[in-house]
């Protein structure tokens, strides 16, 4: 079974940028469609971005489109989330997810101060 470990969270001011990474192990990474989700306190976990196994297709909700970019490096078994023009409402725990096997990472905290 695949294991996922996120990194790169932290505290940033509104308008700033952060880059998250998710390292995968335990299964052929290039077969997996990967996604990022986030969860704020008291809120349901919400979809942030997804990328096809080849990296040729990406998906974003309107709330982050144009600000966030998902990418992957199949040689390094890693998926990235570049977050620009961050807003306080982007605050939350960000989770990496293997959509094929419904496996989640442990999450990394992102805090955007106003």
Protein backbone atom coordinates (compact mmCIF):
# COMPACT_ATOMS: atom_id res chain seq x y z
CA UNK A 1 0.00 0.00 0.00
CA UNK A 2 1.20 3.49 -0.78
CA UNK A 3 2.41 5.76 2.02
CA UNK A 4 2.23 9.54 1.70
CA UNK A 5 4.21 12.15 3.63
CA UNK A 6 3.54 15.87 3.23
CA UNK A 7 5.98 18.68 3.93
CA UNK A 8 6.36 22.40 3.38
CA UNK A 9 3.60 23.92 5.47
CA UNK A 10 4.13 26.95 7.64
CA UNK A 11 3.08 30.50 8.47
CA UNK A 12 2.93 33.13 5.76
CA UNK A 13 1.41 36.59 5.39
CA UNK A 14 -1.51 37.21 3.07
CA UNK A 15 -0.28 37.66 -0.48
CA UNK A 16 2.67 35.38 0.10
CA UNK A 17 3.54 31.96 -1.30
CA UNK A 18 4.19 28.45 -0.02
CA UNK A 19 5.15 25.24 -1.73
CA UNK A 20 3.99 21.88 -0.42
CA UNK A 21 5.41 18.49 -1.31
CA UNK A 22 4.04 14.99 -0.93
CA UNK A 23 6.45 12.07 -1.11
CA UNK A 24 4.99 8.67 -1.99
CA UNK A 25 6.38 5.21 -1.39
CA UNK A 26 5.20 1.64 -1.55
CA UNK A 27 3.56 1.52 -4.97
CA UNK A 28 4.24 2.56 -8.54
CA UNK A 29 3.65 6.27 -8.23
CA UNK A 30 3.22 6.89 -11.95
CA UNK A 31 0.02 4.80 -11.91
CA UNK A 32 -1.66 7.05 -9.38
CA UNK A 33 -3.94 10.05 -9.80
CA UNK A 34 -3.02 12.38 -6.95
CA UNK A 35 -4.82 15.22 -5.22
CA UNK A 36 -4.56 17.80 -2.48
CA UNK A 37 -7.35 18.54 -0.01
CA UNK A 38 -7.52 20.93 2.92
CA UNK A 39 -9.49 21.19 6.12
CA UNK A 40 -10.06 24.27 8.24
CA UNK A 41 -11.25 24.09 11.87
CA UNK A 42 -14.95 23.31 11.99
CA UNK A 43 -15.11 22.78 8.25
CA UNK A 44 -15.37 19.72 6.06
CA UNK A 45 -12.35 18.61 4.11
CA UNK A 46 -12.42 20.24 0.67
CA UNK A 47 -10.82 19.51 -2.67
CA UNK A 48 -7.94 21.79 -3.69
CA UNK A 49 -6.28 20.26 -6.75
CA UNK A 50 -5.77 17.02 -8.65
CA UNK A 51 -3.38 15.77 -11.29
CA UNK A 52 -3.57 12.81 -13.62
CA UNK A 53 -1.04 9.98 -13.42
CA UNK A 54 0.89 11.40 -16.38
CA UNK A 55 0.68 14.99 -15.20
CA UNK A 56 -0.99 16.10 -18.42
CA UNK A 57 -4.31 17.01 -16.82
CA UNK A 58 -5.01 19.08 -13.72
CA UNK A 59 -8.18 20.13 -11.91
CA UNK A 60 -8.87 23.02 -9.53
CA UNK A 61 -11.93 24.46 -7.82
CA UNK A 62 -12.71 28.09 -8.55
CA UNK A 63 -11.53 29.08 -5.06
CA UNK A 64 -7.87 28.39 -5.92
CA UNK A 65 -7.80 28.46 -9.74
CA UNK A 66 -5.13 30.84 -10.99
CA UNK A 67 -3.37 30.92 -7.61
CA UNK A 68 -2.45 27.27 -6.96
CA UNK A 69 -0.54 24.92 -9.24
CA UNK A 70 -0.27 21.16 -8.81
CA UNK A 71 2.58 19.28 -10.44
CA UNK A 72 4.31 15.94 -10.13
CA UNK A 73 7.69 14.35 -10.63
CA UNK A 74 7.19 10.65 -11.30
CA UNK A 75 10.93 10.02 -11.22
CA UNK A 76 11.03 11.36 -7.65
CA UNK A 77 7.64 9.94 -6.59
CA UNK A 78 6.56 13.40 -5.51
CA UNK A 79 3.58 15.68 -6.06
CA UNK A 80 3.83 19.41 -5.40
CA UNK A 81 1.39 22.20 -4.67
CA UNK A 82 2.61 25.72 -5.38
CA UNK A 83 0.39 28.25 -3.62
CA UNK A 84 0.61 31.92 -4.56
CA UNK A 85 -1.38 35.01 -3.55
CA UNK A 86 -2.39 33.26 -0.37
CA UNK A 87 -5.43 34.47 1.57
CA UNK A 88 -6.39 33.98 5.23
CA UNK A 89 -9.18 31.67 4.07
CA UNK A 90 -6.54 29.32 2.65
CA UNK A 91 -5.56 28.46 6.22
CA UNK A 92 -5.95 24.81 7.13
CA UNK A 93 -4.35 21.41 7.22
CA UNK A 94 -3.39 20.31 3.73
CA UNK A 95 -3.57 16.63 2.88
CA UNK A 96 -2.17 14.67 -0.01
CA UNK A 97 -4.37 11.86 -1.32
CA UNK A 98 -3.94 8.88 -3.60
CA UNK A 99 -7.33 8.86 -5.32
CA UNK A 100 -6.99 5.36 -6.73
CA UNK A 101 -6.50 3.68 -3.37
CA UNK A 102 -8.07 6.35 -1.15
CA UNK A 103 -4.91 6.76 0.91
CA UNK A 104 -4.26 10.00 2.80
CA UNK A 105 -1.12 11.56 4.18
CA UNK A 106 -0.92 12.88 7.73
CA UNK A 107 -1.32 16.51 6.66
CA UNK A 108 0.72 19.68 6.96
CA UNK A 109 -0.49 22.94 8.53
CA UNK A 110 -0.72 26.10 6.45
CA UNK A 111 -1.51 29.34 8.24
CA UNK A 112 -2.05 32.61 6.37
CA UNK A 113 -2.09 35.73 8.52
CA UNK A 114 -3.94 38.88 7.51
